[in-house]
Amino acid sequence: MATTVTPIYRRAIHPVHAVFLAAALPCFLGALLSDLAYGASYEIQWANFSAWLILAGLVFAGLALAAALIGLFRADVRRDRRRTIYILLLAAAWIAGFINALVHAKDAWARMPDATILSAIAFLLILVAVVIGFSTLRAGAVK
């Protein structure tokens, strides 16, 4: 008895979506490192860098989330659990980053240690989202 394997090819992640997703990661990493540098040196400019990087990370993560939602509703894309987890992780990273931006609006020392903890949470969420986004949303997957 012979068995046949029918490959199911998923559509590759759109290049613009990939750029937005990849750009959010270093922004949130830079914000975390800036918060750590501020905690070690008390130089106010590190806190300013962190706030700017969080804003940039929110812009890129928001655009990646919008691209993911548009991609979810396209007719030729199969809906699966990994794609839903990816979108939820992006949304959670954006929410954590937004709360972090609100915390960074405080006085420089008043934001410590909450800002560093929120930066770490936002970075870890976006890191997991990037790993899932680039590993499961590509062409060539065979089921």
C-alpha atoms as a PDB file:
ATOM      1  CA  MET A   1       0.000   0.000   0.000  1.00  0.00           C
ATOM      2  CA  ALA A   2       1.422   3.333  -1.022  1.00  0.00           C
ATOM      3  CA  THR A   3       0.937   6.574   0.828  1.00  0.00           C
ATOM      4  CA  THR A   4       1.089   9.955  -0.762  1.00  0.00           C
ATOM      5  CA  VAL A   5       2.123  13.151   0.893  1.00  0.00           C
ATOM      6  CA  THR A   6       0.463  16.288  -0.310  1.00  0.00           C
ATOM      7  CA  PRO A   7       2.593  19.326   0.477  1.00  0.00           C
ATOM      8  CA  ILE A   8       0.781  22.365   1.756  1.00  0.00           C
ATOM      9  CA  TYR A   9       2.717  25.514   0.970  1.00  0.00           C
ATOM     10  CA  ARG A  10       2.102  28.467   3.175  1.00  0.00           C
ATOM     11  CA  ARG A  11       2.473  31.900   1.793  1.00  0.00           C
ATOM     12  CA  ALA A  12       5.687  33.620   2.819  1.00  0.00           C
ATOM     13  CA  ILE A  13       5.587  36.568   5.165  1.00  0.00           C
ATOM     14  CA  HIS A  14       5.288  39.778   3.171  1.00  0.00           C
ATOM     15  CA  PRO A  15       8.622  41.662   2.968  1.00  0.00           C
ATOM     16  CA  VAL A  16       7.140  44.886   4.357  1.00  0.00           C
ATOM     17  CA  HIS A  17       5.612  42.946   7.244  1.00  0.00           C
ATOM     18  CA  ALA A  18       9.010  41.346   7.855  1.00  0.00           C
ATOM     19  CA  VAL A  19      10.739  44.744   7.955  1.00  0.00           C
ATOM     20  CA  PHE A  20       8.248  46.119  10.500  1.00  0.00           C
ATOM     21  CA  LEU A  21       8.545  42.993  12.625  1.00  0.00           C
ATOM     22  CA  ALA A  22      12.334  42.951  12.508  1.00  0.00           C
ATOM     23  CA  ALA A  23      12.608  46.682  13.261  1.00  0.00           C
ATOM     24  CA  ALA A  24      10.571  46.454  16.468  1.00  0.00           C
ATOM     25  CA  LEU A  25      12.999  44.025  18.115  1.00  0.00           C
ATOM     26  CA  PRO A  26      16.108  46.256  18.312  1.00  0.00           C
ATOM     27  CA  CYS A  27      13.996  49.210  19.434  1.00  0.00           C
ATOM     28  CA  PHE A  28      12.660  47.336  22.462  1.00  0.00           C
ATOM     29  CA  LEU A  29      16.105  45.830  23.133  1.00  0.00           C
ATOM     30  CA  GLY A  30      17.656  49.296  23.005  1.00  0.00           C
ATOM     31  CA  ALA A  31      15.026  50.588  25.427  1.00  0.00           C
ATOM     32  CA  LEU A  32      15.842  47.794  27.864  1.00  0.00           C
ATOM     33  CA  LEU A  33      19.578  48.447  27.590  1.00  0.00           C
ATOM     34  CA  SER A  34      19.014  52.199  28.008  1.00  0.00           C
ATOM     35  CA  ASP A  35      16.979  51.596  31.156  1.00  0.00           C
ATOM     36  CA  LEU A  36      19.741  49.393  32.515  1.00  0.00           C
ATOM     37  CA  ALA A  37      22.331  52.049  31.663  1.00  0.00           C
ATOM     38  CA  TYR A  38      20.235  54.711  33.399  1.00  0.00           C
ATOM     39  CA  GLY A  39      19.911  52.542  36.500  1.00  0.00           C
ATOM     40  CA  ALA A  40      23.697  52.148  36.599  1.00  0.00           C
ATOM     41  CA  SER A  41      24.761  55.727  35.801  1.00  0.00           C
ATOM     42  CA  TYR A  42      21.820  58.038  36.647  1.00  0.00           C
ATOM     43  CA  GLU A  43      22.513  59.995  33.439  1.00  0.00           C
ATOM     44  CA  ILE A  44      19.176  61.481  32.392  1.00  0.00           C
ATOM     45  CA  GLN A  45      19.960  61.123  28.689  1.00  0.00           C
ATOM     46  CA  TRP A  46      19.725  57.319  28.991  1.00  0.00           C
ATOM     47  CA  ALA A  47      16.138  57.718  30.173  1.00  0.00           C
ATOM     48  CA  ASN A  48      15.423  59.966  27.187  1.00  0.00           C
ATOM     49  CA  PHE A  49      16.947  57.432  24.783  1.00  0.00           C
ATOM     50  CA  SER A  50      14.774  54.744  26.294  1.00  0.00           C
ATOM     51  CA  ALA A  51      11.601  56.780  25.835  1.00  0.00           C
ATOM     52  CA  TRP A  52      12.487  57.499  22.194  1.00  0.00           C
ATOM     53  CA  LEU A  53      13.271  53.849  21.486  1.00  0.00           C
ATOM     54  CA  ILE A  54      10.000  52.747  23.056  1.00  0.00           C
ATOM     55  CA  LEU A  55       8.133  55.150  20.787  1.00  0.00           C
ATOM     56  CA  ALA A  56       9.932  53.768  17.721  1.00  0.00           C
ATOM     57  CA  GLY A  57       9.245  50.211  18.894  1.00  0.00           C
ATOM     58  CA  LEU A  58       5.552  51.018  19.309  1.00  0.00           C
ATOM     59  CA  VAL A  59       5.375  52.419  15.793  1.00  0.00           C
ATOM     60  CA  PHE A  60       7.053  49.388  14.221  1.00  0.00           C
ATOM     61  CA  ALA A  61       5.191  46.851  16.377  1.00  0.00           C
ATOM     62  CA  GLY A  62       1.894  48.578  15.573  1.00  0.00           C
ATOM     63  CA  LEU A  63       2.624  48.469  11.851  1.00  0.00           C
ATOM     64  CA  ALA A  64       3.623  44.794  12.127  1.00  0.00           C
ATOM     65  CA  LEU A  65       0.394  44.094  14.023  1.00  0.00           C
ATOM     66  CA  ALA A  66      -1.636  45.885  11.344  1.00  0.00           C
ATOM     67  CA  ALA A  67       0.137  43.885   8.623  1.00  0.00           C
ATOM     68  CA  ALA A  68      -0.509  40.654  10.520  1.00  0.00           C
ATOM     69  CA  LEU A  69      -4.207  41.470  10.881  1.00  0.00           C
ATOM     70  CA  ILE A  70      -4.470  42.325   7.189  1.00  0.00           C
ATOM     71  CA  GLY A  71      -2.710  39.073   6.364  1.00  0.00           C
ATOM     72  CA  LEU A  72      -5.107  37.176   8.618  1.00  0.00           C
ATOM     73  CA  PHE A  73      -8.127  38.291   6.622  1.00  0.00           C
ATOM     74  CA  ARG A  74      -6.686  37.558   3.189  1.00  0.00           C
ATOM     75  CA  ALA A  75      -8.577  34.832   1.384  1.00  0.00           C
ATOM     76  CA  ASP A  76      -5.582  32.667   0.460  1.00  0.00           C
ATOM     77  CA  VAL A  77      -4.092  32.392   3.943  1.00  0.00           C
ATOM     78  CA  ARG A  78      -4.886  29.397   6.087  1.00  0.00           C
ATOM     79  CA  ARG A  79      -5.869  30.302   9.631  1.00  0.00           C
ATOM     80  CA  ASP A  80      -4.106  28.260  12.283  1.00  0.00           C
ATOM     81  CA  ARG A  81      -3.314  28.471  15.968  1.00  0.00           C
ATOM     82  CA  ARG A  82       0.284  29.637  15.507  1.00  0.00           C
ATOM     83  CA  ARG A  83      -0.841  32.667  13.529  1.00  0.00           C
ATOM     84  CA  THR A  84      -3.333  33.543  16.271  1.00  0.00           C
ATOM     85  CA  ILE A  85      -0.643  33.170  18.956  1.00  0.00           C
ATOM     86  CA  TYR A  86       1.659  35.359  16.874  1.00  0.00           C
ATOM     87  CA  ILE A  87      -0.955  38.115  16.644  1.00  0.00           C
ATOM     88  CA  LEU A  88      -1.730  37.885  20.357  1.00  0.00           C
ATOM     89  CA  LEU A  89       1.976  38.125  21.211  1.00  0.00           C
ATOM     90  CA  LEU A  90       2.354  41.187  18.992  1.00  0.00           C
ATOM     91  CA  ALA A  91      -0.665  42.797  20.640  1.00  0.00           C
ATOM     92  CA  ALA A  92       0.646  41.964  24.125  1.00  0.00           C
ATOM     93  CA  ALA A  93       4.072  43.406  23.250  1.00  0.00           C
ATOM     94  CA  TRP A  94       2.434  46.577  21.961  1.00  0.00           C
ATOM     95  CA  ILE A  95       0.301  46.927  25.100  1.00  0.00           C
ATOM     96  CA  ALA A  96       3.317  46.348  27.366  1.00  0.00           C
ATOM     97  CA  GLY A  97       5.264  48.909  25.352  1.00  0.00           C
ATOM     98  CA  PHE A  98       2.429  51.419  25.601  1.00  0.00           C
ATOM     99  CA  ILE A  99       2.221  51.016  29.376  1.00  0.00           C
ATOM    100  CA  ASN A 100       6.010  51.345  29.442  1.00  0.00           C
ATOM    101  CA  ALA A 101       5.755  54.605  27.498  1.00  0.00           C
ATOM    102  CA  LEU A 102       3.295  55.910  30.086  1.00  0.00           C
ATOM    103  CA  VAL A 103       5.677  54.934  32.878  1.00  0.00           C
ATOM    104  CA  HIS A 104       8.523  56.669  31.036  1.00  0.00           C
ATOM    105  CA  ALA A 105       6.480  59.894  31.059  1.00  0.00           C
ATOM    106  CA  LYS A 106       7.186  60.192  34.771  1.00  0.00           C
ATOM    107  CA  ASP A 107      10.173  61.913  36.316  1.00  0.00           C
ATOM    108  CA  ALA A 108      13.414  60.104  35.522  1.00  0.00           C
ATOM    109  CA  TRP A 109      13.980  58.539  38.927  1.00  0.00           C
ATOM    110  CA  ALA A 110      10.265  57.979  39.632  1.00  0.00           C
ATOM    111  CA  ARG A 111      10.083  55.471  36.794  1.00  0.00           C
ATOM    112  CA  MET A 112      12.642  53.133  38.332  1.00  0.00           C
ATOM    113  CA  PRO A 113      12.394  50.053  38.607  1.00  0.00           C
ATOM    114  CA  ASP A 114       9.003  49.795  36.886  1.00  0.00           C
ATOM    115  CA  ALA A 115      10.385  51.011  33.568  1.00  0.00           C
ATOM    116  CA  THR A 116      13.144  48.409  33.478  1.00  0.00           C
ATOM    117  CA  ILE A 117      10.738  45.590  34.307  1.00  0.00           C
ATOM    118  CA  LEU A 118       8.241  46.711  31.659  1.00  0.00           C
ATOM    119  CA  SER A 119      11.039  47.101  29.110  1.00  0.00           C
ATOM    120  CA  ALA A 120      12.146  43.534  29.820  1.00  0.00           C
ATOM    121  CA  ILE A 121       8.584  42.226  29.468  1.00  0.00           C
ATOM    122  CA  ALA A 122       8.006  44.102  26.204  1.00  0.00           C
ATOM    123  CA  PHE A 123      11.342  42.900  24.826  1.00  0.00           C
ATOM    124  CA  LEU A 124      10.672  39.252  25.708  1.00  0.00           C
ATOM    125  CA  LEU A 125       7.192  39.390  24.178  1.00  0.00           C
ATOM    126  CA  ILE A 126       8.448  40.924  20.931  1.00  0.00           C
ATOM    127  CA  LEU A 127      11.346  38.445  20.847  1.00  0.00           C
ATOM    128  CA  VAL A 128       8.975  35.482  21.037  1.00  0.00           C
ATOM    129  CA  ALA A 129       6.703  37.115  18.447  1.00  0.00           C
ATOM    130  CA  VAL A 130       9.639  37.597  16.064  1.00  0.00           C
ATOM    131  CA  VAL A 131      10.751  33.985  16.487  1.00  0.00           C
ATOM    132  CA  ILE A 132       7.241  32.671  15.844  1.00  0.00           C
ATOM    133  CA  GLY A 133       6.636  35.142  13.033  1.00  0.00           C
ATOM    134  CA  PHE A 134       9.753  34.222  11.092  1.00  0.00           C
ATOM    135  CA  SER A 135       9.637  30.486  11.804  1.00  0.00           C
ATOM    136  CA  THR A 136       6.010  29.651  11.090  1.00  0.00           C
ATOM    137  CA  LEU A 137       4.844  32.229   8.574  1.00  0.00           C
ATOM    138  CA  ARG A 138       7.032  31.185   5.673  1.00  0.00           C
ATOM    139  CA  ALA A 139       6.578  29.225   2.498  1.00  0.00           C
ATOM    140  CA  GLY A 140       7.580  25.628   2.076  1.00  0.00           C
ATOM    141  CA  ALA A 141       6.020  24.065   5.147  1.00  0.00           C
ATOM    142  CA  VAL A 142       4.909  20.525   4.448  1.00  0.00           C
ATOM    143  CA  LYS A 143       2.138  18.936   6.396  1.00  0.00           C
END
